[in-house]
Amino acid sequence: MISTTFGNWLKEKRLANGWTQKELAEKSNVPQTTISYWETGKTKLFLFDERIVQIANVFNLRLCEFPFELLESVEQVEKMQPDQIKTSEIVTNEAQIQVTTHDNIAIS
């Protein structure tokens, strides 16, 4: 079966390994709620998200094998209406980061 979304792909890979969402969360160091949201399509994983490496590592995938075509692109975010996008700044001891969010999606 060919996955049409990242969430479907992730669920198929997880189930093929016999893992629960909790087990995948523990292995990838990604919160279980995030795994659930990705699988159900409630939130999206974007091309520039560092969690791509964590997920690839759990499934022993090289980055060139990762299904990037199933991820949300910057262009898709740019097509959002202005009232759908919220920008805020987070200041840490090391850097100032601008974060743009859409629903439960964070883009930094």
PDB file of N, CA and C in Angstrom:
ATOM      1  N   MET A   1       0.832  -1.166   0.000  1.00  0.00           N
ATOM      2  CA  MET A   1       0.000   0.000   0.000  1.00  0.00           C
ATOM      3  C   MET A   1       0.886   1.243   0.000  1.00  0.00           C
ATOM      4  N   ILE A   2       0.560   2.222  -0.817  1.00  0.00           N
ATOM      5  CA  ILE A   2       1.325   3.451  -0.900  1.00  0.00           C
ATOM      6  C   ILE A   2       0.680   4.499  -0.013  1.00  0.00           C
ATOM      7  N   SER A   3       1.467   5.059   0.884  1.00  0.00           N
ATOM      8  CA  SER A   3       0.957   6.087   1.794  1.00  0.00           C
ATOM      9  C   SER A   3       0.771   7.394   1.048  1.00  0.00           C
ATOM     10  N   THR A   4      -0.295   8.097   1.391  1.00  0.00           N
ATOM     11  CA  THR A   4      -0.556   9.387   0.761  1.00  0.00           C
ATOM     12  C   THR A   4      -0.302  10.548   1.720  1.00  0.00           C
ATOM     13  N   THR A   5      -0.109  10.250   2.996  1.00  0.00           N
ATOM     14  CA  THR A   5       0.216  11.284   3.967  1.00  0.00           C
ATOM     15  C   THR A   5       1.341  10.784   4.864  1.00  0.00           C
ATOM     16  N   PHE A   6       2.037  11.725   5.478  1.00  0.00           N
ATOM     17  CA  PHE A   6       3.084  11.341   6.424  1.00  0.00           C
ATOM     18  C   PHE A   6       2.488  10.545   7.579  1.00  0.00           C
ATOM     19  N   GLY A   7       1.319  10.962   8.061  1.00  0.00           N
ATOM     20  CA  GLY A   7       0.676  10.258   9.173  1.00  0.00           C
ATOM     21  C   GLY A   7       0.391   8.800   8.848  1.00  0.00           C
ATOM     22  N   ASN A   8      -0.096   8.530   7.641  1.00  0.00           N
ATOM     23  CA  ASN A   8      -0.350   7.145   7.228  1.00  0.00           C
ATOM     24  C   ASN A   8       0.951   6.358   7.139  1.00  0.00           C
ATOM     25  N   TRP A   9       1.968   6.982   6.558  1.00  0.00           N
ATOM     26  CA  TRP A   9       3.274   6.325   6.437  1.00  0.00           C
ATOM     27  C   TRP A   9       3.816   5.981   7.817  1.00  0.00           C
ATOM     28  N   LEU A  10       3.749   6.954   8.737  1.00  0.00           N
ATOM     29  CA  LEU A  10       4.271   6.744  10.081  1.00  0.00           C
ATOM     30  C   LEU A  10       3.536   5.602  10.781  1.00  0.00           C
ATOM     31  N   LYS A  11       2.223   5.588  10.677  1.00  0.00           N
ATOM     32  CA  LYS A  11       1.435   4.536  11.317  1.00  0.00           C
ATOM     33  C   LYS A  11       1.764   3.165  10.715  1.00  0.00           C
ATOM     34  N   GLU A  12       1.884   3.109   9.402  1.00  0.00           N
ATOM     35  CA  GLU A  12       2.236   1.842   8.756  1.00  0.00           C
ATOM     36  C   GLU A  12       3.604   1.340   9.216  1.00  0.00           C
ATOM     37  N   LYS A  13       4.592   2.229   9.282  1.00  0.00           N
ATOM     38  CA  LYS A  13       5.936   1.839   9.730  1.00  0.00           C
ATOM     39  C   LYS A  13       5.892   1.392  11.190  1.00  0.00           C
ATOM     40  N   ARG A  14       5.169   2.135  12.009  1.00  0.00           N
ATOM     41  CA  ARG A  14       5.071   1.807  13.434  1.00  0.00           C
ATOM     42  C   ARG A  14       4.439   0.432  13.627  1.00  0.00           C
ATOM     43  N   LEU A  15       3.318   0.200  12.949  1.00  0.00           N
ATOM     44  CA  LEU A  15       2.628  -1.084  13.093  1.00  0.00           C
ATOM     45  C   LEU A  15       3.448  -2.239  12.515  1.00  0.00           C
ATOM     46  N   ALA A  16       4.155  -1.986  11.425  1.00  0.00           N
ATOM     47  CA  ALA A  16       5.009  -3.022  10.833  1.00  0.00           C
ATOM     48  C   ALA A  16       6.101  -3.464  11.804  1.00  0.00           C
ATOM     49  N   ASN A  17       6.496  -2.570  12.699  1.00  0.00           N
ATOM     50  CA  ASN A  17       7.488  -2.894  13.715  1.00  0.00           C
ATOM     51  C   ASN A  17       6.858  -3.429  14.997  1.00  0.00           C
ATOM     52  N   GLY A  18       5.518  -3.464  15.033  1.00  0.00           N
ATOM     53  CA  GLY A  18       4.817  -3.985  16.199  1.00  0.00           C
ATOM     54  C   GLY A  18       4.855  -3.051  17.398  1.00  0.00           C
ATOM     55  N   TRP A  19       4.991  -1.743  17.148  1.00  0.00           N
ATOM     56  CA  TRP A  19       5.098  -0.777  18.230  1.00  0.00           C
ATOM     57  C   TRP A  19       3.784  -0.046  18.462  1.00  0.00           C
ATOM     58  N   THR A  20       3.555   0.316  19.704  1.00  0.00           N
ATOM     59  CA  THR A  20       2.459   1.216  20.043  1.00  0.00           C
ATOM     60  C   THR A  20       2.960   2.649  19.822  1.00  0.00           C
ATOM     61  N   GLN A  21       2.053   3.594  19.868  1.00  0.00           N
ATOM     62  CA  GLN A  21       2.475   4.998  19.774  1.00  0.00           C
ATOM     63  C   GLN A  21       3.403   5.350  20.931  1.00  0.00           C
ATOM     64  N   LYS A  22       3.114   4.808  22.094  1.00  0.00           N
ATOM     65  CA  LYS A  22       3.951   5.076  23.269  1.00  0.00           C
ATOM     66  C   LYS A  22       5.367   4.557  23.051  1.00  0.00           C
ATOM     67  N   GLU A  23       5.481   3.349  22.497  1.00  0.00           N
ATOM     68  CA  GLU A  23       6.818   2.784  22.252  1.00  0.00           C
ATOM     69  C   GLU A  23       7.591   3.609  21.215  1.00  0.00           C
ATOM     70  N   LEU A  24       6.906   4.041  20.152  1.00  0.00           N
ATOM     71  CA  LEU A  24       7.566   4.882  19.150  1.00  0.00           C
ATOM     72  C   LEU A  24       7.994   6.202  19.775  1.00  0.00           C
ATOM     73  N   ALA A  25       7.147   6.757  20.622  1.00  0.00           N
ATOM     74  CA  ALA A  25       7.479   8.009  21.299  1.00  0.00           C
ATOM     75  C   ALA A  25       8.741   7.857  22.147  1.00  0.00           C
ATOM     76  N   GLU A  26       8.828   6.767  22.879  1.00  0.00           N
ATOM     77  CA  GLU A  26      10.001   6.526  23.725  1.00  0.00           C
ATOM     78  C   GLU A  26      11.260   6.326  22.889  1.00  0.00           C
ATOM     79  N   LYS A  27      11.135   5.597  21.790  1.00  0.00           N
ATOM     80  CA  LYS A  27      12.291   5.331  20.933  1.00  0.00           C
ATOM     81  C   LYS A  27      12.779   6.575  20.199  1.00  0.00           C
ATOM     82  N   SER A  28      11.848   7.448  19.830  1.00  0.00           N
ATOM     83  CA  SER A  28      12.193   8.622  19.019  1.00  0.00           C
ATOM     84  C   SER A  28      12.383   9.900  19.830  1.00  0.00           C
ATOM     85  N   ASN A  29      12.001   9.843  21.115  1.00  0.00           N
ATOM     86  CA  ASN A  29      12.047  11.032  21.964  1.00  0.00           C
ATOM     87  C   ASN A  29      11.135  12.141  21.426  1.00  0.00           C
ATOM     88  N   VAL A  30      10.017  11.724  20.846  1.00  0.00           N
ATOM     89  CA  VAL A  30       8.965  12.628  20.372  1.00  0.00           C
ATOM     90  C   VAL A  30       7.739  12.316  21.227  1.00  0.00           C
ATOM     91  N   PRO A  31       7.074  13.325  21.779  1.00  0.00           N
ATOM     92  CA  PRO A  31       5.913  13.061  22.638  1.00  0.00           C
ATOM     93  C   PRO A  31       4.847  12.195  21.949  1.00  0.00           C
ATOM     94  N   GLN A  32       4.224  11.327  22.735  1.00  0.00           N
ATOM     95  CA  GLN A  32       3.192  10.437  22.202  1.00  0.00           C
ATOM     96  C   GLN A  32       2.049  11.225  21.584  1.00  0.00           C
ATOM     97  N   THR A  33       1.683  12.353  22.176  1.00  0.00           N
ATOM     98  CA  THR A  33       0.597  13.154  21.603  1.00  0.00           C
ATOM     99  C   THR A  33       0.971  13.667  20.213  1.00  0.00           C
ATOM    100  N   THR A  34       2.229  14.002  20.012  1.00  0.00           N
ATOM    101  CA  THR A  34       2.688  14.450  18.694  1.00  0.00           C
ATOM    102  C   THR A  34       2.582  13.326  17.681  1.00  0.00           C
ATOM    103  N   ILE A  35       2.995  12.121  18.072  1.00  0.00           N
ATOM    104  CA  ILE A  35       2.881  10.942  17.194  1.00  0.00           C
ATOM    105  C   ILE A  35       1.407  10.759  16.812  1.00  0.00           C
ATOM    106  N   SER A  36       0.524  10.817  17.800  1.00  0.00           N
ATOM    107  CA  SER A  36      -0.910  10.657  17.554  1.00  0.00           C
ATOM    108  C   SER A  36      -1.435  11.735  16.614  1.00  0.00           C
ATOM    109  N   TYR A  37      -1.055  12.982  16.853  1.00  0.00           N
ATOM    110  CA  TYR A  37      -1.507  14.090  16.000  1.00  0.00           C
ATOM    111  C   TYR A  37      -1.013  13.928  14.566  1.00  0.00           C
ATOM    112  N   TRP A  38       0.226  13.485  14.395  1.00  0.00           N
ATOM    113  CA  TRP A  38       0.744  13.250  13.034  1.00  0.00           C
ATOM    114  C   TRP A  38      -0.056  12.149  12.344  1.00  0.00           C
ATOM    115  N   GLU A  39      -0.273  11.046  13.067  1.00  0.00           N
ATOM    116  CA  GLU A  39      -0.961   9.907  12.461  1.00  0.00           C
ATOM    117  C   GLU A  39      -2.405  10.232  12.080  1.00  0.00           C
ATOM    118  N   THR A  40      -3.049  11.066  12.851  1.00  0.00           N
ATOM    119  CA  THR A  40      -4.443  11.417  12.564  1.00  0.00           C
ATOM    120  C   THR A  40      -4.575  12.641  11.665  1.00  0.00           C
ATOM    121  N   GLY A  41      -3.458  13.287  11.378  1.00  0.00           N
ATOM    122  CA  GLY A  41      -3.490  14.471  10.527  1.00  0.00           C
ATOM    123  C   GLY A  41      -3.865  15.743  11.253  1.00  0.00           C
ATOM    124  N   LYS A  42      -3.935  15.675  12.572  1.00  0.00           N
ATOM    125  CA  LYS A  42      -4.301  16.863  13.345  1.00  0.00           C
ATOM    126  C   LYS A  42      -3.217  17.937  13.238  1.00  0.00           C
ATOM    127  N   THR A  43      -1.963  17.503  13.174  1.00  0.00           N
ATOM    128  CA  THR A  43      -0.847  18.410  12.906  1.00  0.00           C
ATOM    129  C   THR A  43       0.023  17.789  11.823  1.00  0.00           C
ATOM    130  N   LYS A  44       0.884  18.596  11.261  1.00  0.00           N
ATOM    131  CA  LYS A  44       1.749  18.161  10.160  1.00  0.00           C
ATOM    132  C   LYS A  44       3.213  18.257  10.561  1.00  0.00           C
ATOM    133  N   LEU A  45       4.027  17.457   9.939  1.00  0.00           N
ATOM    134  CA  LEU A  45       5.472  17.549  10.083  1.00  0.00           C
ATOM    135  C   LEU A  45       5.985  18.297   8.865  1.00  0.00           C
ATOM    136  N   PHE A  46       6.788  19.326   9.102  1.00  0.00           N
ATOM    137  CA  PHE A  46       7.295  20.146   8.016  1.00  0.00           C
ATOM    138  C   PHE A  46       8.697  19.730   7.600  1.00  0.00           C
ATOM    139  N   LEU A  47       9.052  20.101   6.388  1.00  0.00           N
ATOM    140  CA  LEU A  47      10.337  19.728   5.799  1.00  0.00           C
ATOM    141  C   LEU A  47      11.535  20.099   6.654  1.00  0.00           C
ATOM    142  N   PHE A  48      11.458  21.172   7.394  1.00  0.00           N
ATOM    143  CA  PHE A  48      12.618  21.662   8.133  1.00  0.00           C
ATOM    144  C   PHE A  48      12.573  21.320   9.621  1.00  0.00           C
ATOM    145  N   ASP A  49      11.780  20.364  10.002  1.00  0.00           N
ATOM    146  CA  ASP A  49      11.640  19.972  11.401  1.00  0.00           C
ATOM    147  C   ASP A  49      12.761  19.001  11.784  1.00  0.00           C
ATOM    148  N   GLU A  50      13.464  19.295  12.872  1.00  0.00           N
ATOM    149  CA  GLU A  50      14.586  18.446  13.292  1.00  0.00           C
ATOM    150  C   GLU A  50      14.141  17.047  13.711  1.00  0.00           C
ATOM    151  N   ARG A  51      12.849  16.871  13.972  1.00  0.00           N
ATOM    152  CA  ARG A  51      12.355  15.541  14.366  1.00  0.00           C
ATOM    153  C   ARG A  51      12.393  14.545  13.213  1.00  0.00           C
ATOM    154  N   ILE A  52      12.607  15.025  12.009  1.00  0.00           N
ATOM    155  CA  ILE A  52      12.766  14.120  10.864  1.00  0.00           C
ATOM    156  C   ILE A  52      13.913  13.154  11.124  1.00  0.00           C
ATOM    157  N   VAL A  53      15.005  13.670  11.641  1.00  0.00           N
ATOM    158  CA  VAL A  53      16.177  12.831  11.921  1.00  0.00           C
ATOM    159  C   VAL A  53      15.852  11.801  12.993  1.00  0.00           C
ATOM    160  N   GLN A  54      15.127  12.210  14.024  1.00  0.00           N
ATOM    161  CA  GLN A  54      14.764  11.287  15.091  1.00  0.00           C
ATOM    162  C   GLN A  54      13.898  10.140  14.555  1.00  0.00           C
ATOM    163  N   ILE A  55      12.927  10.473  13.731  1.00  0.00           N
ATOM    164  CA  ILE A  55      12.046   9.444  13.162  1.00  0.00           C
ATOM    165  C   ILE A  55      12.832   8.541  12.208  1.00  0.00           C
ATOM    166  N   ALA A  56      13.657   9.130  11.366  1.00  0.00           N
ATOM    167  CA  ALA A  56      14.467   8.337  10.431  1.00  0.00           C
ATOM    168  C   ALA A  56      15.367   7.362  11.191  1.00  0.00           C
ATOM    169  N   ASN A  57      15.984   7.836  12.261  1.00  0.00           N
ATOM    170  CA  ASN A  57      16.877   6.977  13.040  1.00  0.00           C
ATOM    171  C   ASN A  57      16.141   5.797  13.663  1.00  0.00           C
ATOM    172  N   VAL A  58      14.954   6.025  14.172  1.00  0.00           N
ATOM    173  CA  VAL A  58      14.179   4.955  14.809  1.00  0.00           C
ATOM    174  C   VAL A  58      13.886   3.835  13.813  1.00  0.00           C
ATOM    175  N   PHE A  59      13.608   4.218  12.563  1.00  0.00           N
ATOM    176  CA  PHE A  59      13.289   3.222  11.534  1.00  0.00           C
ATOM    177  C   PHE A  59      14.517   2.804  10.722  1.00  0.00           C
ATOM    178  N   ASN A  60      15.702   3.198  11.193  1.00  0.00           N
ATOM    179  CA  ASN A  60      16.962   2.872  10.518  1.00  0.00           C
ATOM    180  C   ASN A  60      16.952   3.295   9.052  1.00  0.00           C
ATOM    181  N   LEU A  61      16.434   4.497   8.808  1.00  0.00           N
ATOM    182  CA  LEU A  61      16.389   5.039   7.449  1.00  0.00           C
ATOM    183  C   LEU A  61      17.488   6.071   7.270  1.00  0.00           C
ATOM    184  N   ARG A  62      18.112   6.055   6.099  1.00  0.00           N
ATOM    185  CA  ARG A  62      18.989   7.172   5.741  1.00  0.00           C
ATOM    186  C   ARG A  62      18.066   8.309   5.339  1.00  0.00           C
ATOM    187  N   LEU A  63      18.532   9.530   5.473  1.00  0.00           N
ATOM    188  CA  LEU A  63      17.674  10.666   5.135  1.00  0.00           C
ATOM    189  C   LEU A  63      17.220  10.623   3.689  1.00  0.00           C
ATOM    190  N   CYS A  64      18.033  10.071   2.798  1.00  0.00           N
ATOM    191  CA  CYS A  64      17.615   9.983   1.393  1.00  0.00           C
ATOM    192  C   CYS A  64      16.461   8.994   1.211  1.00  0.00           C
ATOM    193  N   GLU A  65      16.197   8.147   2.207  1.00  0.00           N
ATOM    194  CA  GLU A  65      15.083   7.196   2.147  1.00  0.00           C
ATOM    195  C   GLU A  65      13.812   7.734   2.811  1.00  0.00           C
ATOM    196  N   PHE A  66      13.928   8.872   3.474  1.00  0.00           N
ATOM    197  CA  PHE A  66      12.786   9.440   4.196  1.00  0.00           C
ATOM    198  C   PHE A  66      11.761   9.960   3.192  1.00  0.00           C
ATOM    199  N   PRO A  67      10.461   9.784   3.463  1.00  0.00           N
ATOM    200  CA  PRO A  67       9.426  10.195   2.498  1.00  0.00           C
ATOM    201  C   PRO A  67       9.134  11.703   2.546  1.00  0.00           C
ATOM    202  N   PHE A  68      10.116  12.486   2.148  1.00  0.00           N
ATOM    203  CA  PHE A  68       9.968  13.941   2.203  1.00  0.00           C
ATOM    204  C   PHE A  68       8.774  14.435   1.383  1.00  0.00           C
ATOM    205  N   GLU A  69       8.400  13.695   0.356  1.00  0.00           N
ATOM    206  CA  GLU A  69       7.276  14.116  -0.483  1.00  0.00           C
ATOM    207  C   GLU A  69       5.955  14.135   0.280  1.00  0.00           C
ATOM    208  N   LEU A  70       5.901  13.502   1.433  1.00  0.00           N
ATOM    209  CA  LEU A  70       4.682  13.465   2.241  1.00  0.00           C
ATOM    210  C   LEU A  70       4.623  14.579   3.285  1.00  0.00           C
ATOM    211  N   LEU A  71       5.683  15.359   3.389  1.00  0.00           N
ATOM    212  CA  LEU A  71       5.736  16.418   4.396  1.00  0.00           C
ATOM    213  C   LEU A  71       5.187  17.728   3.855  1.00  0.00           C
ATOM    214  N   GLU A  72       4.835  18.602   4.757  1.00  0.00           N
ATOM    215  CA  GLU A  72       4.344  19.928   4.388  1.00  0.00           C
ATOM    216  C   GLU A  72       5.536  20.804   4.016  1.00  0.00           C
ATOM    217  N   SER A  73       5.375  21.591   2.996  1.00  0.00           N
ATOM    218  CA  SER A  73       6.457  22.457   2.544  1.00  0.00           C
ATOM    219  C   SER A  73       6.225  23.895   3.002  1.00  0.00           C
ATOM    220  N   VAL A  74       7.266  24.681   2.926  1.00  0.00           N
ATOM    221  CA  VAL A  74       7.169  26.093   3.278  1.00  0.00           C
ATOM    222  C   VAL A  74       6.150  26.776   2.373  1.00  0.00           C
ATOM    223  N   GLU A  75       6.110  26.383   1.110  1.00  0.00           N
ATOM    224  CA  GLU A  75       5.165  26.984   0.170  1.00  0.00           C
ATOM    225  C   GLU A  75       3.722  26.794   0.626  1.00  0.00           C
ATOM    226  N   GLN A  76       3.424  25.639   1.205  1.00  0.00           N
ATOM    227  CA  GLN A  76       2.067  25.400   1.688  1.00  0.00           C
ATOM    228  C   GLN A  76       1.735  26.313   2.858  1.00  0.00           C
ATOM    229  N   VAL A  77       2.711  26.588   3.701  1.00  0.00           N
ATOM    230  CA  VAL A  77       2.496  27.494   4.826  1.00  0.00           C
ATOM    231  C   VAL A  77       2.299  28.915   4.300  1.00  0.00           C
ATOM    232  N   GLU A  78       3.083  29.291   3.298  1.00  0.00           N
ATOM    233  CA  GLU A  78       2.984  30.638   2.748  1.00  0.00           C
ATOM    234  C   GLU A  78       1.626  30.900   2.099  1.00  0.00           C
ATOM    235  N   LYS A  79       0.904  29.856   1.698  1.00  0.00           N
ATOM    236  CA  LYS A  79      -0.411  30.014   1.081  1.00  0.00           C
ATOM    237  C   LYS A  79      -1.518  30.245   2.113  1.00  0.00           C
ATOM    238  N   MET A  80      -1.185  30.082   3.385  1.00  0.00           N
ATOM    239  CA  MET A  80      -2.183  30.267   4.427  1.00  0.00           C
ATOM    240  C   MET A  80      -2.610  31.732   4.490  1.00  0.00           C
ATOM    241  N   GLN A  81      -3.835  31.942   4.897  1.00  0.00           N
ATOM    242  CA  GLN A  81      -4.357  33.293   5.065  1.00  0.00           C
ATOM    243  C   GLN A  81      -3.680  33.943   6.270  1.00  0.00           C
ATOM    244  N   PRO A  82      -3.466  35.269   6.228  1.00  0.00           N
ATOM    245  CA  PRO A  82      -2.795  35.950   7.342  1.00  0.00           C
ATOM    246  C   PRO A  82      -3.446  35.712   8.698  1.00  0.00           C
ATOM    247  N   ASP A  83      -4.768  35.587   8.740  1.00  0.00           N
ATOM    248  CA  ASP A  83      -5.425  35.375  10.025  1.00  0.00           C
ATOM    249  C   ASP A  83      -5.228  33.954  10.559  1.00  0.00           C
ATOM    250  N   GLN A  84      -4.644  33.061   9.743  1.00  0.00           N
ATOM    251  CA  GLN A  84      -4.367  31.699  10.181  1.00  0.00           C
ATOM    252  C   GLN A  84      -2.965  31.566  10.774  1.00  0.00           C
ATOM    253  N   ILE A  85      -2.171  32.608  10.653  1.00  0.00           N
ATOM    254  CA  ILE A  85      -0.771  32.540  11.055  1.00  0.00           C
ATOM    255  C   ILE A  85      -0.522  33.487  12.216  1.00  0.00           C
ATOM    256  N   LYS A  86       0.176  32.984  13.217  1.00  0.00           N
ATOM    257  CA  LYS A  86       0.539  33.794  14.369  1.00  0.00           C
ATOM    258  C   LYS A  86       2.060  33.748  14.501  1.00  0.00           C
ATOM    259  N   THR A  87       2.674  34.894  14.627  1.00  0.00           N
ATOM    260  CA  THR A  87       4.123  34.952  14.790  1.00  0.00           C
ATOM    261  C   THR A  87       4.441  35.496  16.167  1.00  0.00           C
ATOM    262  N   SER A  88       5.369  34.856  16.835  1.00  0.00           N
ATOM    263  CA  SER A  88       5.806  35.341  18.128  1.00  0.00           C
ATOM    264  C   SER A  88       7.304  35.108  18.245  1.00  0.00           C
ATOM    265  N   GLU A  89       7.917  35.754  19.201  1.00  0.00           N
ATOM    266  CA  GLU A  89       9.349  35.577  19.398  1.00  0.00           C
ATOM    267  C   GLU A  89       9.595  34.910  20.734  1.00  0.00           C
ATOM    268  N   ILE A  90      10.560  34.019  20.733  1.00  0.00           N
ATOM    269  CA  ILE A  90      10.975  33.342  21.949  1.00  0.00           C
ATOM    270  C   ILE A  90      12.431  33.727  22.169  1.00  0.00           C
ATOM    271  N   VAL A  91      12.731  34.208  23.358  1.00  0.00           N
ATOM    272  CA  VAL A  91      14.094  34.603  23.654  1.00  0.00           C
ATOM    273  C   VAL A  91      14.667  33.609  24.654  1.00  0.00           C
ATOM    274  N   THR A  92      15.789  33.016  24.299  1.00  0.00           N
ATOM    275  CA  THR A  92      16.471  32.098  25.200  1.00  0.00           C
ATOM    276  C   THR A  92      17.804  32.720  25.580  1.00  0.00           C
ATOM    277  N   ASN A  93      18.560  32.055  26.422  1.00  0.00           N
ATOM    278  CA  ASN A  93      19.872  32.564  26.799  1.00  0.00           C
ATOM    279  C   ASN A  93      20.819  32.603  25.611  1.00  0.00           C
ATOM    280  N   GLU A  94      20.603  31.738  24.616  1.00  0.00           N
ATOM    281  CA  GLU A  94      21.533  31.624  23.509  1.00  0.00           C
ATOM    282  C   GLU A  94      21.079  32.310  22.239  1.00  0.00           C
ATOM    283  N   ALA A  95      19.777  32.408  22.016  1.00  0.00           N
ATOM    284  CA  ALA A  95      19.329  32.939  20.730  1.00  0.00           C
ATOM    285  C   ALA A  95      17.918  33.485  20.821  1.00  0.00           C
ATOM    286  N   GLN A  96      17.610  34.311  19.876  1.00  0.00           N
ATOM    287  CA  GLN A  96      16.248  34.798  19.728  1.00  0.00           C
ATOM    288  C   GLN A  96      15.658  34.056  18.539  1.00  0.00           C
ATOM    289  N   ILE A  97      14.519  33.421  18.730  1.00  0.00           N
ATOM    290  CA  ILE A  97      13.919  32.574  17.710  1.00  0.00           C
ATOM    291  C   ILE A  97      12.554  33.130  17.363  1.00  0.00           C
ATOM    292  N   GLN A  98      12.271  33.232  16.079  1.00  0.00           N
ATOM    293  CA  GLN A  98      10.939  33.645  15.655  1.00  0.00           C
ATOM    294  C   GLN A  98      10.162  32.381  15.316  1.00  0.00           C
ATOM    295  N   VAL A  99       8.989  32.256  15.891  1.00  0.00           N
ATOM    296  CA  VAL A  99       8.176  31.057  15.690  1.00  0.00           C
ATOM    297  C   VAL A  99       6.856  31.468  15.060  1.00  0.00           C
ATOM    298  N   THR A 100       6.492  30.785  13.998  1.00  0.00           N
ATOM    299  CA  THR A 100       5.213  31.007  13.347  1.00  0.00           C
ATOM    300  C   THR A 100       4.371  29.767  13.574  1.00  0.00           C
ATOM    301  N   THR A 101       3.126  29.959  13.978  1.00  0.00           N
ATOM    302  CA  THR A 101       2.280  28.802  14.245  1.00  0.00           C
ATOM    303  C   THR A 101       0.992  28.875  13.460  1.00  0.00           C
ATOM    304  N   HIS A 102       0.465  27.702  13.142  1.00  0.00           N
ATOM    305  CA  HIS A 102      -0.838  27.558  12.502  1.00  0.00           C
ATOM    306  C   HIS A 102      -1.499  26.395  13.201  1.00  0.00           C
ATOM    307  N   ASP A 103      -2.584  26.646  13.885  1.00  0.00           N
ATOM    308  CA  ASP A 103      -3.213  25.648  14.737  1.00  0.00           C
ATOM    309  C   ASP A 103      -2.165  25.089  15.685  1.00  0.00           C
ATOM    310  N   ASN A 104      -1.893  23.791  15.614  1.00  0.00           N
ATOM    311  CA  ASN A 104      -0.881  23.183  16.499  1.00  0.00           C
ATOM    312  C   ASN A 104       0.431  22.950  15.768  1.00  0.00           C
ATOM    313  N   ILE A 105       0.669  23.674  14.693  1.00  0.00           N
ATOM    314  CA  ILE A 105       1.868  23.478  13.880  1.00  0.00           C
ATOM    315  C   ILE A 105       2.845  24.604  14.195  1.00  0.00           C
ATOM    316  N   ALA A 106       4.049  24.263  14.530  1.00  0.00           N
ATOM    317  CA  ALA A 106       5.052  25.289  14.799  1.00  0.00           C
ATOM    318  C   ALA A 106       6.128  25.266  13.727  1.00  0.00           C
ATOM    319  N   ILE A 107       6.477  26.430  13.266  1.00  0.00           N
ATOM    320  CA  ILE A 107       7.499  26.567  12.244  1.00  0.00           C
ATOM    321  C   ILE A 107       8.506  27.564  12.771  1.00  0.00           C
ATOM    322  N   SER A 108       9.750  27.163  12.879  1.00  0.00           N
ATOM    323  CA  SER A 108      10.735  28.118  13.386  1.00  0.00           C
ATOM    324  C   SER A 108      11.802  28.377  12.351  1.00  0.00           C
TER     325      SER A 108
END
